[in-house]
Each structure stands twice: as structure tokens, then as C-alpha cells.
Amino acid sequence: MASTDAVLEHHLSTFGEQDLAGIMEDYTEESVVVTNMGTFKGLDEIEGLFEDLFAEFSQEGATIDMEQETVEDEFAYIVWQAETPENVYEFATDTFYVPDDEILFQSFAGKLSPKD
């Protein structure tokens, strides 16, 4: 049984590597991701979300800076900022609910501004 710390570490690592198959190992068909762009349920919808995110964050000059990682039991919370050729993420946060070694629920909130 993996800890919430281990699942978060895997999630952040596979995101940084743009590893779609790897990141999808963190989710199940029952997983839900809630964002300002919509709610994504199940593996197919969540995979589509990450395909879009990887397309944005794989561009030259994209940066991500992690500011905080907190894990308490089955919950993980991160605060980060980023910049891509398309957007500036001035403040962003994700909260994860990780029972049974997989992300069952994730929420994202952030202040982002499109670049002109």
C-alpha cells in the first residue's frame, strides 16, 4: 500500500516528465477532477484533460515552481505558479483525496491570465 506522499510524488514526477500513461496510473474510473474548466469524470475525461495540459506545458519556455506541498493522512495539497507561452499561472492550488493508493478526487483553483 502506497502512502499519500508516494502517490503525490509519483503524480508530480509523471506530470513533470509529461508521462501520460504514468499519470493515469494515479486515477481510476471512479476518479473526479474539478477545475474552473469543468468537471472531468473517469479515465477517458481525465486523460483528455492531461493531454491538453501536457500540450500547453510541453512548449518551450514553460516553467512550474512548486511553493508548498502538504500531506495529511489521505489528503494532499499543493501550491504552485507557472508560466507557459499561453498563460501565466500567478497562483494555483490542487487538493487531492487519495484513499487506497489512487486519486479519487482532485480539485484545482488558480489565478491565471492568458498572454496576449
PDB file of N, CA and C in Angstrom:
ATOM      1  N   MET A   1       0.844  -1.191   0.000  1.00  0.00           N
ATOM      2  CA  MET A   1       0.000   0.000   0.000  1.00  0.00           C
ATOM      3  C   MET A   1       0.880   1.242   0.000  1.00  0.00           C
ATOM      4  N   ALA A   2       0.690   2.068  -1.007  1.00  0.00           N
ATOM      5  CA  ALA A   2       1.470   3.294  -1.111  1.00  0.00           C
ATOM      6  C   ALA A   2       0.868   4.370  -0.206  1.00  0.00           C
ATOM      7  N   SER A   3       1.691   5.248   0.240  1.00  0.00           N
ATOM      8  CA  SER A   3       1.212   6.342   1.073  1.00  0.00           C
ATOM      9  C   SER A   3       0.730   7.491   0.185  1.00  0.00           C
ATOM     10  N   THR A   4       0.006   8.405   0.782  1.00  0.00           N
ATOM     11  CA  THR A   4      -0.408   9.608   0.062  1.00  0.00           C
ATOM     12  C   THR A   4       0.817  10.354  -0.438  1.00  0.00           C
ATOM     13  N   ASP A   5       1.885  10.394   0.370  1.00  0.00           N
ATOM     14  CA  ASP A   5       3.139  11.028  -0.058  1.00  0.00           C
ATOM     15  C   ASP A   5       3.664  10.393  -1.349  1.00  0.00           C
ATOM     16  N   ALA A   6       3.649   9.066  -1.406  1.00  0.00           N
ATOM     17  CA  ALA A   6       4.175   8.354  -2.574  1.00  0.00           C
ATOM     18  C   ALA A   6       3.322   8.618  -3.811  1.00  0.00           C
ATOM     19  N   VAL A   7       2.008   8.653  -3.647  1.00  0.00           N
ATOM     20  CA  VAL A   7       1.122   8.927  -4.779  1.00  0.00           C
ATOM     21  C   VAL A   7       1.349  10.352  -5.275  1.00  0.00           C
ATOM     22  N   LEU A   8       1.466  11.320  -4.364  1.00  0.00           N
ATOM     23  CA  LEU A   8       1.714  12.696  -4.761  1.00  0.00           C
ATOM     24  C   LEU A   8       3.062  12.813  -5.474  1.00  0.00           C
ATOM     25  N   GLU A   9       4.088  12.176  -4.932  1.00  0.00           N
ATOM     26  CA  GLU A   9       5.412  12.221  -5.561  1.00  0.00           C
ATOM     27  C   GLU A   9       5.354  11.637  -6.979  1.00  0.00           C
ATOM     28  N   HIS A  10       4.660  10.516  -7.146  1.00  0.00           N
ATOM     29  CA  HIS A  10       4.514   9.896  -8.465  1.00  0.00           C
ATOM     30  C   HIS A  10       3.766  10.836  -9.408  1.00  0.00           C
ATOM     31  N   HIS A  11       2.698  11.445  -8.911  1.00  0.00           N
ATOM     32  CA  HIS A  11       1.878  12.342  -9.721  1.00  0.00           C
ATOM     33  C   HIS A  11       2.709  13.538 -10.212  1.00  0.00           C
ATOM     34  N   LEU A  12       3.434  14.170  -9.322  1.00  0.00           N
ATOM     35  CA  LEU A  12       4.236  15.336  -9.690  1.00  0.00           C
ATOM     36  C   LEU A  12       5.374  14.949 -10.631  1.00  0.00           C
ATOM     37  N   SER A  13       5.979  13.813 -10.384  1.00  0.00           N
ATOM     38  CA  SER A  13       7.069  13.343 -11.233  1.00  0.00           C
ATOM     39  C   SER A  13       6.582  13.039 -12.649  1.00  0.00           C
ATOM     40  N   THR A  14       5.474  12.309 -12.760  1.00  0.00           N
ATOM     41  CA  THR A  14       4.979  11.961 -14.093  1.00  0.00           C
ATOM     42  C   THR A  14       4.440  13.188 -14.815  1.00  0.00           C
ATOM     43  N   PHE A  15       3.893  14.165 -14.083  1.00  0.00           N
ATOM     44  CA  PHE A  15       3.488  15.415 -14.733  1.00  0.00           C
ATOM     45  C   PHE A  15       4.709  16.117 -15.313  1.00  0.00           C
ATOM     46  N   GLY A  16       5.754  16.230 -14.525  1.00  0.00           N
ATOM     47  CA  GLY A  16       6.968  16.885 -14.988  1.00  0.00           C
ATOM     48  C   GLY A  16       7.596  16.191 -16.183  1.00  0.00           C
ATOM     49  N   GLU A  17       7.452  14.884 -16.265  1.00  0.00           N
ATOM     50  CA  GLU A  17       8.004  14.100 -17.374  1.00  0.00           C
ATOM     51  C   GLU A  17       7.053  14.036 -18.569  1.00  0.00           C
ATOM     52  N   GLN A  18       5.862  14.628 -18.431  1.00  0.00           N
ATOM     53  CA  GLN A  18       4.841  14.563 -19.489  1.00  0.00           C
ATOM     54  C   GLN A  18       4.512  13.108 -19.830  1.00  0.00           C
ATOM     55  N   ASP A  19       4.435  12.274 -18.793  1.00  0.00           N
ATOM     56  CA  ASP A  19       4.195  10.833 -18.937  1.00  0.00           C
ATOM     57  C   ASP A  19       2.706  10.559 -18.757  1.00  0.00           C
ATOM     58  N   LEU A  20       1.968  10.551 -19.859  1.00  0.00           N
ATOM     59  CA  LEU A  20       0.511  10.393 -19.790  1.00  0.00           C
ATOM     60  C   LEU A  20       0.120   9.039 -19.207  1.00  0.00           C
ATOM     61  N   ALA A  21       0.732   7.978 -19.662  1.00  0.00           N
ATOM     62  CA  ALA A  21       0.403   6.647 -19.129  1.00  0.00           C
ATOM     63  C   ALA A  21       0.720   6.577 -17.638  1.00  0.00           C
ATOM     64  N   GLY A  22       1.841   7.152 -17.250  1.00  0.00           N
ATOM     65  CA  GLY A  22       2.236   7.139 -15.845  1.00  0.00           C
ATOM     66  C   GLY A  22       1.281   7.918 -14.969  1.00  0.00           C
ATOM     67  N   ILE A  23       0.887   9.105 -15.421  1.00  0.00           N
ATOM     68  CA  ILE A  23      -0.001   9.926 -14.598  1.00  0.00           C
ATOM     69  C   ILE A  23      -1.379   9.273 -14.469  1.00  0.00           C
ATOM     70  N   MET A  24      -1.806   8.577 -15.517  1.00  0.00           N
ATOM     71  CA  MET A  24      -3.122   7.941 -15.470  1.00  0.00           C
ATOM     72  C   MET A  24      -3.159   6.763 -14.498  1.00  0.00           C
ATOM     73  N   GLU A  25      -1.996   6.237 -14.110  1.00  0.00           N
ATOM     74  CA  GLU A  25      -1.936   5.181 -13.088  1.00  0.00           C
ATOM     75  C   GLU A  25      -2.440   5.681 -11.742  1.00  0.00           C
ATOM     76  N   ASP A  26      -2.475   7.007 -11.557  1.00  0.00           N
ATOM     77  CA  ASP A  26      -2.895   7.590 -10.283  1.00  0.00           C
ATOM     78  C   ASP A  26      -4.411   7.696 -10.152  1.00  0.00           C
ATOM     79  N   TYR A  27      -5.154   7.404 -11.215  1.00  0.00           N
ATOM     80  CA  TYR A  27      -6.607   7.591 -11.238  1.00  0.00           C
ATOM     81  C   TYR A  27      -7.333   6.276 -11.508  1.00  0.00           C
ATOM     82  N   THR A  28      -8.635   6.272 -11.217  1.00  0.00           N
ATOM     83  CA  THR A  28      -9.497   5.127 -11.504  1.00  0.00           C
ATOM     84  C   THR A  28     -10.697   5.610 -12.316  1.00  0.00           C
ATOM     85  N   GLU A  29     -11.516   4.685 -12.744  1.00  0.00           N
ATOM     86  CA  GLU A  29     -12.725   5.038 -13.481  1.00  0.00           C
ATOM     87  C   GLU A  29     -13.678   5.855 -12.600  1.00  0.00           C
ATOM     88  N   GLU A  30     -13.540   5.753 -11.268  1.00  0.00           N
ATOM     89  CA  GLU A  30     -14.398   6.493 -10.342  1.00  0.00           C
ATOM     90  C   GLU A  30     -13.825   7.862  -9.974  1.00  0.00           C
ATOM     91  N   SER A  31     -12.641   8.176 -10.433  1.00  0.00           N
ATOM     92  CA  SER A  31     -11.991   9.444 -10.080  1.00  0.00           C
ATOM     93  C   SER A  31     -12.711  10.636 -10.709  1.00  0.00           C
ATOM     94  N   VAL A  32     -12.632  11.772  -9.994  1.00  0.00           N
ATOM     95  CA  VAL A  32     -13.233  13.022 -10.444  1.00  0.00           C
ATOM     96  C   VAL A  32     -12.204  14.140 -10.240  1.00  0.00           C
ATOM     97  N   VAL A  33     -12.049  14.989 -11.274  1.00  0.00           N
ATOM     98  CA  VAL A  33     -11.189  16.162 -11.183  1.00  0.00           C
ATOM     99  C   VAL A  33     -12.064  17.374 -11.471  1.00  0.00           C
ATOM    100  N   VAL A  34     -12.124  18.314 -10.510  1.00  0.00           N
ATOM    101  CA  VAL A  34     -12.941  19.517 -10.649  1.00  0.00           C
ATOM    102  C   VAL A  34     -12.009  20.696 -10.861  1.00  0.00           C
ATOM    103  N   THR A  35     -12.262  21.454 -11.954  1.00  0.00           N
ATOM    104  CA  THR A  35     -11.455  22.623 -12.276  1.00  0.00           C
ATOM    105  C   THR A  35     -12.374  23.749 -12.723  1.00  0.00           C
ATOM    106  N   ASN A  36     -11.794  24.918 -12.920  1.00  0.00           N
ATOM    107  CA  ASN A  36     -12.563  26.033 -13.464  1.00  0.00           C
ATOM    108  C   ASN A  36     -12.911  25.803 -14.935  1.00  0.00           C
ATOM    109  N   MET A  37     -12.281  24.812 -15.569  1.00  0.00           N
ATOM    110  CA  MET A  37     -12.560  24.481 -16.966  1.00  0.00           C
ATOM    111  C   MET A  37     -13.640  23.416 -17.095  1.00  0.00           C
ATOM    112  N   GLY A  38     -14.092  22.896 -15.947  1.00  0.00           N
ATOM    113  CA  GLY A  38     -15.124  21.871 -15.963  1.00  0.00           C
ATOM    114  C   GLY A  38     -14.791  20.733 -15.021  1.00  0.00           C
ATOM    115  N   THR A  39     -15.692  19.770 -14.963  1.00  0.00           N
ATOM    116  CA  THR A  39     -15.524  18.581 -14.148  1.00  0.00           C
ATOM    117  C   THR A  39     -15.236  17.406 -15.070  1.00  0.00           C
ATOM    118  N   PHE A  40     -14.205  16.654 -14.723  1.00  0.00           N
ATOM    119  CA  PHE A  40     -13.753  15.532 -15.536  1.00  0.00           C
ATOM    120  C   PHE A  40     -13.922  14.251 -14.722  1.00  0.00           C
ATOM    121  N   LYS A  41     -14.715  13.330 -15.245  1.00  0.00           N
ATOM    122  CA  LYS A  41     -15.037  12.090 -14.525  1.00  0.00           C
ATOM    123  C   LYS A  41     -14.549  10.892 -15.320  1.00  0.00           C
ATOM    124  N   GLY A  42     -13.916   9.960 -14.619  1.00  0.00           N
ATOM    125  CA  GLY A  42     -13.476   8.730 -15.254  1.00  0.00           C
ATOM    126  C   GLY A  42     -12.187   8.902 -16.040  1.00  0.00           C
ATOM    127  N   LEU A  43     -11.626   7.788 -16.425  1.00  0.00           N
ATOM    128  CA  LEU A  43     -10.309   7.773 -17.047  1.00  0.00           C
ATOM    129  C   LEU A  43     -10.263   8.507 -18.387  1.00  0.00           C
ATOM    130  N   ASP A  44     -11.262   8.336 -19.230  1.00  0.00           N
ATOM    131  CA  ASP A  44     -11.229   8.970 -20.552  1.00  0.00           C
ATOM    132  C   ASP A  44     -11.229  10.491 -20.451  1.00  0.00           C
ATOM    133  N   GLU A  45     -12.119  11.051 -19.625  1.00  0.00           N
ATOM    134  CA  GLU A  45     -12.195  12.503 -19.495  1.00  0.00           C
ATOM    135  C   GLU A  45     -10.942  13.074 -18.833  1.00  0.00           C
ATOM    136  N   ILE A  46     -10.442  12.382 -17.804  1.00  0.00           N
ATOM    137  CA  ILE A  46      -9.239  12.856 -17.107  1.00  0.00           C
ATOM    138  C   ILE A  46      -8.032  12.774 -18.044  1.00  0.00           C
ATOM    139  N   GLU A  47      -7.955  11.733 -18.847  1.00  0.00           N
ATOM    140  CA  GLU A  47      -6.860  11.618 -19.807  1.00  0.00           C
ATOM    141  C   GLU A  47      -6.900  12.775 -20.808  1.00  0.00           C
ATOM    142  N   GLY A  48      -8.083  13.147 -21.265  1.00  0.00           N
ATOM    143  CA  GLY A  48      -8.210  14.281 -22.173  1.00  0.00           C
ATOM    144  C   GLY A  48      -7.736  15.574 -21.540  1.00  0.00           C
ATOM    145  N   LEU A  49      -8.053  15.768 -20.258  1.00  0.00           N
ATOM    146  CA  LEU A  49      -7.580  16.948 -19.535  1.00  0.00           C
ATOM    147  C   LEU A  49      -6.058  17.000 -19.533  1.00  0.00           C
ATOM    148  N   PHE A  50      -5.422  15.878 -19.191  1.00  0.00           N
ATOM    149  CA  PHE A  50      -3.958  15.872 -19.130  1.00  0.00           C
ATOM    150  C   PHE A  50      -3.321  15.971 -20.512  1.00  0.00           C
ATOM    151  N   GLU A  51      -3.956  15.462 -21.545  1.00  0.00           N
ATOM    152  CA  GLU A  51      -3.440  15.666 -22.903  1.00  0.00           C
ATOM    153  C   GLU A  51      -3.360  17.157 -23.211  1.00  0.00           C
ATOM    154  N   ASP A  52      -4.406  17.897 -22.846  1.00  0.00           N
ATOM    155  CA  ASP A  52      -4.414  19.344 -23.072  1.00  0.00           C
ATOM    156  C   ASP A  52      -3.355  20.054 -22.225  1.00  0.00           C
ATOM    157  N   LEU A  53      -3.250  19.650 -20.948  1.00  0.00           N
ATOM    158  CA  LEU A  53      -2.249  20.276 -20.075  1.00  0.00           C
ATOM    159  C   LEU A  53      -0.833  19.986 -20.563  1.00  0.00           C
ATOM    160  N   PHE A  54      -0.575  18.748 -20.971  1.00  0.00           N
ATOM    161  CA  PHE A  54       0.763  18.404 -21.464  1.00  0.00           C
ATOM    162  C   PHE A  54       1.081  19.167 -22.746  1.00  0.00           C
ATOM    163  N   ALA A  55       0.086  19.381 -23.602  1.00  0.00           N
ATOM    164  CA  ALA A  55       0.318  20.155 -24.825  1.00  0.00           C
ATOM    165  C   ALA A  55       0.753  21.579 -24.470  1.00  0.00           C
ATOM    166  N   GLU A  56       0.132  22.152 -23.436  1.00  0.00           N
ATOM    167  CA  GLU A  56       0.494  23.511 -23.028  1.00  0.00           C
ATOM    168  C   GLU A  56       1.851  23.542 -22.335  1.00  0.00           C
ATOM    169  N   PHE A  57       2.074  22.629 -21.383  1.00  0.00           N
ATOM    170  CA  PHE A  57       3.281  22.683 -20.564  1.00  0.00           C
ATOM    171  C   PHE A  57       4.506  22.076 -21.244  1.00  0.00           C
ATOM    172  N   SER A  58       4.343  21.451 -22.392  1.00  0.00           N
ATOM    173  CA  SER A  58       5.497  20.904 -23.116  1.00  0.00           C
ATOM    174  C   SER A  58       6.125  21.941 -24.045  1.00  0.00           C
ATOM    175  N   GLN A  59       5.522  23.099 -24.160  1.00  0.00           N
ATOM    176  CA  GLN A  59       6.050  24.135 -25.044  1.00  0.00           C
ATOM    177  C   GLN A  59       7.339  24.737 -24.481  1.00  0.00           C
ATOM    178  N   GLU A  60       8.190  25.153 -25.393  1.00  0.00           N
ATOM    179  CA  GLU A  60       9.452  25.749 -24.993  1.00  0.00           C
ATOM    180  C   GLU A  60       9.205  26.980 -24.126  1.00  0.00           C
ATOM    181  N   GLY A  61       9.951  27.067 -23.036  1.00  0.00           N
ATOM    182  CA  GLY A  61       9.844  28.201 -22.134  1.00  0.00           C
ATOM    183  C   GLY A  61       8.848  28.018 -20.998  1.00  0.00           C
ATOM    184  N   ALA A  62       8.112  26.905 -20.983  1.00  0.00           N
ATOM    185  CA  ALA A  62       7.154  26.665 -19.900  1.00  0.00           C
ATOM    186  C   ALA A  62       7.909  26.347 -18.610  1.00  0.00           C
ATOM    187  N   THR A  63       7.461  26.944 -17.513  1.00  0.00           N
ATOM    188  CA  THR A  63       8.085  26.709 -16.207  1.00  0.00           C
ATOM    189  C   THR A  63       6.999  26.465 -15.162  1.00  0.00           C
ATOM    190  N   ILE A  64       7.356  25.676 -14.151  1.00  0.00           N
ATOM    191  CA  ILE A  64       6.477  25.437 -12.998  1.00  0.00           C
ATOM    192  C   ILE A  64       7.344  25.542 -11.754  1.00  0.00           C
ATOM    193  N   ASP A  65       6.860  26.280 -10.759  1.00  0.00           N
ATOM    194  CA  ASP A  65       7.554  26.396  -9.488  1.00  0.00           C
ATOM    195  C   ASP A  65       6.618  25.948  -8.370  1.00  0.00           C
ATOM    196  N   MET A  66       7.020  24.902  -7.670  1.00  0.00           N
ATOM    197  CA  MET A  66       6.238  24.390  -6.544  1.00  0.00           C
ATOM    198  C   MET A  66       6.570  25.232  -5.315  1.00  0.00           C
ATOM    199  N   GLU A  67       5.544  25.749  -4.659  1.00  0.00           N
ATOM    200  CA  GLU A  67       5.748  26.599  -3.490  1.00  0.00           C
ATOM    201  C   GLU A  67       5.427  25.886  -2.188  1.00  0.00           C
ATOM    202  N   GLN A  68       4.505  24.917  -2.221  1.00  0.00           N
ATOM    203  CA  GLN A  68       4.106  24.239  -0.982  1.00  0.00           C
ATOM    204  C   GLN A  68       3.571  22.857  -1.309  1.00  0.00           C
ATOM    205  N   GLU A  69       3.940  21.886  -0.483  1.00  0.00           N
ATOM    206  CA  GLU A  69       3.367  20.548  -0.531  1.00  0.00           C
ATOM    207  C   GLU A  69       3.027  20.150   0.897  1.00  0.00           C
ATOM    208  N   THR A  70       1.771  19.814   1.137  1.00  0.00           N
ATOM    209  CA  THR A  70       1.329  19.399   2.456  1.00  0.00           C
ATOM    210  C   THR A  70       0.543  18.105   2.320  1.00  0.00           C
ATOM    211  N   VAL A  71       0.867  17.127   3.152  1.00  0.00           N
ATOM    212  CA  VAL A  71       0.141  15.857   3.154  1.00  0.00           C
ATOM    213  C   VAL A  71      -0.340  15.579   4.567  1.00  0.00           C
ATOM    214  N   GLU A  72      -1.621  15.298   4.695  1.00  0.00           N
ATOM    215  CA  GLU A  72      -2.239  14.921   5.968  1.00  0.00           C
ATOM    216  C   GLU A  72      -3.126  13.719   5.704  1.00  0.00           C
ATOM    217  N   ASP A  73      -2.714  12.563   6.200  1.00  0.00           N
ATOM    218  CA  ASP A  73      -3.473  11.326   6.028  1.00  0.00           C
ATOM    219  C   ASP A  73      -3.772  11.082   4.550  1.00  0.00           C
ATOM    220  N   GLU A  74      -5.038  11.077   4.151  1.00  0.00           N
ATOM    221  CA  GLU A  74      -5.434  10.769   2.774  1.00  0.00           C
ATOM    222  C   GLU A  74      -5.564  12.023   1.903  1.00  0.00           C
ATOM    223  N   PHE A  75      -5.114  13.161   2.398  1.00  0.00           N
ATOM    224  CA  PHE A  75      -5.244  14.415   1.663  1.00  0.00           C
ATOM    225  C   PHE A  75      -3.870  15.007   1.354  1.00  0.00           C
ATOM    226  N   ALA A  76      -3.751  15.567   0.156  1.00  0.00           N
ATOM    227  CA  ALA A  76      -2.535  16.281  -0.236  1.00  0.00           C
ATOM    228  C   ALA A  76      -2.958  17.625  -0.814  1.00  0.00           C
ATOM    229  N   TYR A  77      -2.129  18.618  -0.578  1.00  0.00           N
ATOM    230  CA  TYR A  77      -2.410  19.985  -1.010  1.00  0.00           C
ATOM    231  C   TYR A  77      -1.129  20.570  -1.567  1.00  0.00           C
ATOM    232  N   ILE A  78      -1.196  21.155  -2.763  1.00  0.00           N
ATOM    233  CA  ILE A  78      -0.026  21.805  -3.336  1.00  0.00           C
ATOM    234  C   ILE A  78      -0.375  23.222  -3.779  1.00  0.00           C
ATOM    235  N   VAL A  79       0.614  24.099  -3.701  1.00  0.00           N
ATOM    236  CA  VAL A  79       0.510  25.468  -4.205  1.00  0.00           C
ATOM    237  C   VAL A  79       1.663  25.649  -5.177  1.00  0.00           C
ATOM    238  N   TRP A  80       1.355  26.224  -6.337  1.00  0.00           N
ATOM    239  CA  TRP A  80       2.375  26.379  -7.363  1.00  0.00           C
ATOM    240  C   TRP A  80       2.076  27.588  -8.232  1.00  0.00           C
ATOM    241  N   GLN A  81       3.079  27.963  -9.012  1.00  0.00           N
ATOM    242  CA  GLN A  81       2.902  29.005 -10.021  1.00  0.00           C
ATOM    243  C   GLN A  81       3.628  28.523 -11.272  1.00  0.00           C
ATOM    244  N   ALA A  82       3.198  29.050 -12.409  1.00  0.00           N
ATOM    245  CA  ALA A  82       3.780  28.599 -13.668  1.00  0.00           C
ATOM    246  C   ALA A  82       3.615  29.667 -14.732  1.00  0.00           C
ATOM    247  N   GLU A  83       4.374  29.472 -15.796  1.00  0.00           N
ATOM    248  CA  GLU A  83       4.223  30.319 -16.971  1.00  0.00           C
ATOM    249  C   GLU A  83       4.433  29.442 -18.200  1.00  0.00           C
ATOM    250  N   THR A  84       3.539  29.598 -19.162  1.00  0.00           N
ATOM    251  CA  THR A  84       3.658  28.926 -20.452  1.00  0.00           C
ATOM    252  C   THR A  84       3.571  30.001 -21.532  1.00  0.00           C
ATOM    253  N   PRO A  85       3.841  29.654 -22.775  1.00  0.00           N
ATOM    254  CA  PRO A  85       3.669  30.658 -23.829  1.00  0.00           C
ATOM    255  C   PRO A  85       2.228  31.174 -23.927  1.00  0.00           C
ATOM    256  N   GLU A  86       1.267  30.418 -23.399  1.00  0.00           N
ATOM    257  CA  GLU A  86      -0.139  30.794 -23.489  1.00  0.00           C
ATOM    258  C   GLU A  86      -0.679  31.515 -22.253  1.00  0.00           C
ATOM    259  N   ASN A  87      -0.208  31.144 -21.053  1.00  0.00           N
ATOM    260  CA  ASN A  87      -0.801  31.628 -19.805  1.00  0.00           C
ATOM    261  C   ASN A  87       0.242  31.906 -18.736  1.00  0.00           C
ATOM    262  N   VAL A  88      -0.128  32.796 -17.813  1.00  0.00           N
ATOM    263  CA  VAL A  88       0.621  32.996 -16.576  1.00  0.00           C
ATOM    264  C   VAL A  88      -0.274  32.494 -15.449  1.00  0.00           C
ATOM    265  N   TYR A  89       0.208  31.519 -14.705  1.00  0.00           N
ATOM    266  CA  TYR A  89      -0.486  30.978 -13.538  1.00  0.00           C
ATOM    267  C   TYR A  89       0.118  31.672 -12.325  1.00  0.00           C
ATOM    268  N   GLU A  90      -0.481  32.793 -11.923  1.00  0.00           N
ATOM    269  CA  GLU A  90       0.063  33.589 -10.819  1.00  0.00           C
ATOM    270  C   GLU A  90      -0.015  32.839  -9.497  1.00  0.00           C
ATOM    271  N   PHE A  91      -1.106  32.128  -9.305  1.00  0.00           N
ATOM    272  CA  PHE A  91      -1.326  31.358  -8.082  1.00  0.00           C
ATOM    273  C   PHE A  91      -2.181  30.167  -8.473  1.00  0.00           C
ATOM    274  N   ALA A  92      -1.743  28.974  -8.107  1.00  0.00           N
ATOM    275  CA  ALA A  92      -2.515  27.778  -8.420  1.00  0.00           C
ATOM    276  C   ALA A  92      -2.411  26.801  -7.264  1.00  0.00           C
ATOM    277  N   THR A  93      -3.485  26.054  -7.051  1.00  0.00           N
ATOM    278  CA  THR A  93      -3.518  25.078  -5.974  1.00  0.00           C
ATOM    279  C   THR A  93      -4.320  23.859  -6.408  1.00  0.00           C
ATOM    280  N   ASP A  94      -3.850  22.715  -5.981  1.00  0.00           N
ATOM    281  CA  ASP A  94      -4.572  21.457  -6.181  1.00  0.00           C
ATOM    282  C   ASP A  94      -4.728  20.784  -4.834  1.00  0.00           C
ATOM    283  N   THR A  95      -5.883  20.196  -4.620  1.00  0.00           N
ATOM    284  CA  THR A  95      -6.138  19.379  -3.447  1.00  0.00           C
ATOM    285  C   THR A  95      -6.502  17.985  -3.932  1.00  0.00           C
ATOM    286  N   PHE A  96      -5.908  16.976  -3.307  1.00  0.00           N
ATOM    287  CA  PHE A  96      -6.105  15.585  -3.708  1.00  0.00           C
ATOM    288  C   PHE A  96      -6.657  14.773  -2.537  1.00  0.00           C
ATOM    289  N   TYR A  97      -7.611  13.915  -2.823  1.00  0.00           N
ATOM    290  CA  TYR A  97      -8.090  12.918  -1.864  1.00  0.00           C
ATOM    291  C   TYR A  97      -7.591  11.577  -2.373  1.00  0.00           C
ATOM    292  N   VAL A  98      -6.758  10.906  -1.572  1.00  0.00           N
ATOM    293  CA  VAL A  98      -6.032   9.723  -2.025  1.00  0.00           C
ATOM    294  C   VAL A  98      -6.287   8.531  -1.098  1.00  0.00           C
ATOM    295  N   PRO A  99      -7.483   7.949  -1.146  1.00  0.00           N
ATOM    296  CA  PRO A  99      -7.691   6.714  -0.394  1.00  0.00           C
ATOM    297  C   PRO A  99      -7.222   5.529  -1.248  1.00  0.00           C
ATOM    298  N   ASP A 100      -6.750   4.506  -0.652  1.00  0.00           N
ATOM    299  CA  ASP A 100      -6.439   3.266  -1.375  1.00  0.00           C
ATOM    300  C   ASP A 100      -5.470   3.467  -2.535  1.00  0.00           C
ATOM    301  N   ASP A 101      -4.467   4.289  -2.367  1.00  0.00           N
ATOM    302  CA  ASP A 101      -3.346   4.410  -3.299  1.00  0.00           C
ATOM    303  C   ASP A 101      -3.660   5.073  -4.632  1.00  0.00           C
ATOM    304  N   GLU A 102      -4.816   5.669  -4.802  1.00  0.00           N
ATOM    305  CA  GLU A 102      -5.166   6.331  -6.054  1.00  0.00           C
ATOM    306  C   GLU A 102      -5.904   7.628  -5.752  1.00  0.00           C
ATOM    307  N   ILE A 103      -5.821   8.556  -6.702  1.00  0.00           N
ATOM    308  CA  ILE A 103      -6.502   9.840  -6.531  1.00  0.00           C
ATOM    309  C   ILE A 103      -7.974   9.633  -6.876  1.00  0.00           C
ATOM    310  N   LEU A 104      -8.827   9.717  -5.871  1.00  0.00           N
ATOM    311  CA  LEU A 104     -10.258   9.558  -6.099  1.00  0.00           C
ATOM    312  C   LEU A 104     -10.901  10.904  -6.440  1.00  0.00           C
ATOM    313  N   PHE A 105     -10.385  11.983  -5.846  1.00  0.00           N
ATOM    314  CA  PHE A 105     -10.932  13.321  -6.082  1.00  0.00           C
ATOM    315  C   PHE A 105      -9.795  14.323  -6.090  1.00  0.00           C
ATOM    316  N   GLN A 106      -9.850  15.251  -7.040  1.00  0.00           N
ATOM    317  CA  GLN A 106      -8.864  16.327  -7.137  1.00  0.00           C
ATOM    318  C   GLN A 106      -9.590  17.604  -7.502  1.00  0.00           C
ATOM    319  N   SER A 107      -9.201  18.695  -6.870  1.00  0.00           N
ATOM    320  CA  SER A 107      -9.729  19.998  -7.275  1.00  0.00           C
ATOM    321  C   SER A 107      -8.569  20.914  -7.599  1.00  0.00           C
ATOM    322  N   PHE A 108      -8.816  21.816  -8.540  1.00  0.00           N
ATOM    323  CA  PHE A 108      -7.831  22.808  -8.948  1.00  0.00           C
ATOM    324  C   PHE A 108      -8.472  24.174  -8.849  1.00  0.00           C
ATOM    325  N   ALA A 109      -7.717  25.137  -8.354  1.00  0.00           N
ATOM    326  CA  ALA A 109      -8.136  26.540  -8.374  1.00  0.00           C
ATOM    327  C   ALA A 109      -6.903  27.376  -8.651  1.00  0.00           C
ATOM    328  N   GLY A 110      -7.098  28.456  -9.339  1.00  0.00           N
ATOM    329  CA  GLY A 110      -5.944  29.286  -9.612  1.00  0.00           C
ATOM    330  C   GLY A 110      -6.315  30.617 -10.240  1.00  0.00           C
ATOM    331  N   LYS A 111      -5.364  31.513 -10.165  1.00  0.00           N
ATOM    332  CA  LYS A 111      -5.491  32.788 -10.848  1.00  0.00           C
ATOM    333  C   LYS A 111      -4.547  32.722 -12.031  1.00  0.00           C
ATOM    334  N   LEU A 112      -5.128  32.640 -13.230  1.00  0.00           N
ATOM    335  CA  LEU A 112      -4.305  32.601 -14.416  1.00  0.00           C
ATOM    336  C   LEU A 112      -4.783  33.631 -15.408  1.00  0.00           C
ATOM    337  N   SER A 113      -3.826  34.139 -16.150  1.00  0.00           N
ATOM    338  CA  SER A 113      -4.105  35.173 -17.132  1.00  0.00           C
ATOM    339  C   SER A 113      -3.555  34.736 -18.475  1.00  0.00           C
ATOM    340  N   PRO A 114      -4.405  34.776 -19.506  1.00  0.00           N
ATOM    341  CA  PRO A 114      -3.894  34.470 -20.846  1.00  0.00           C
ATOM    342  C   PRO A 114      -2.918  35.559 -21.293  1.00  0.00           C
ATOM    343  N   LYS A 115      -1.894  35.149 -21.999  1.00  0.00           N
ATOM    344  CA  LYS A 115      -0.976  36.108 -22.589  1.00  0.00           C
ATOM    345  C   LYS A 115      -1.586  36.621 -23.892  1.00  0.00           C
ATOM    346  N   ASP A 116      -1.319  37.848 -24.198  1.00  0.00           N
ATOM    347  CA  ASP A 116      -1.852  38.415 -25.444  1.00  0.00           C
ATOM    348  C   ASP A 116      -1.051  37.994 -26.631  1.00  0.00           C
TER     349      ASP A 116
END
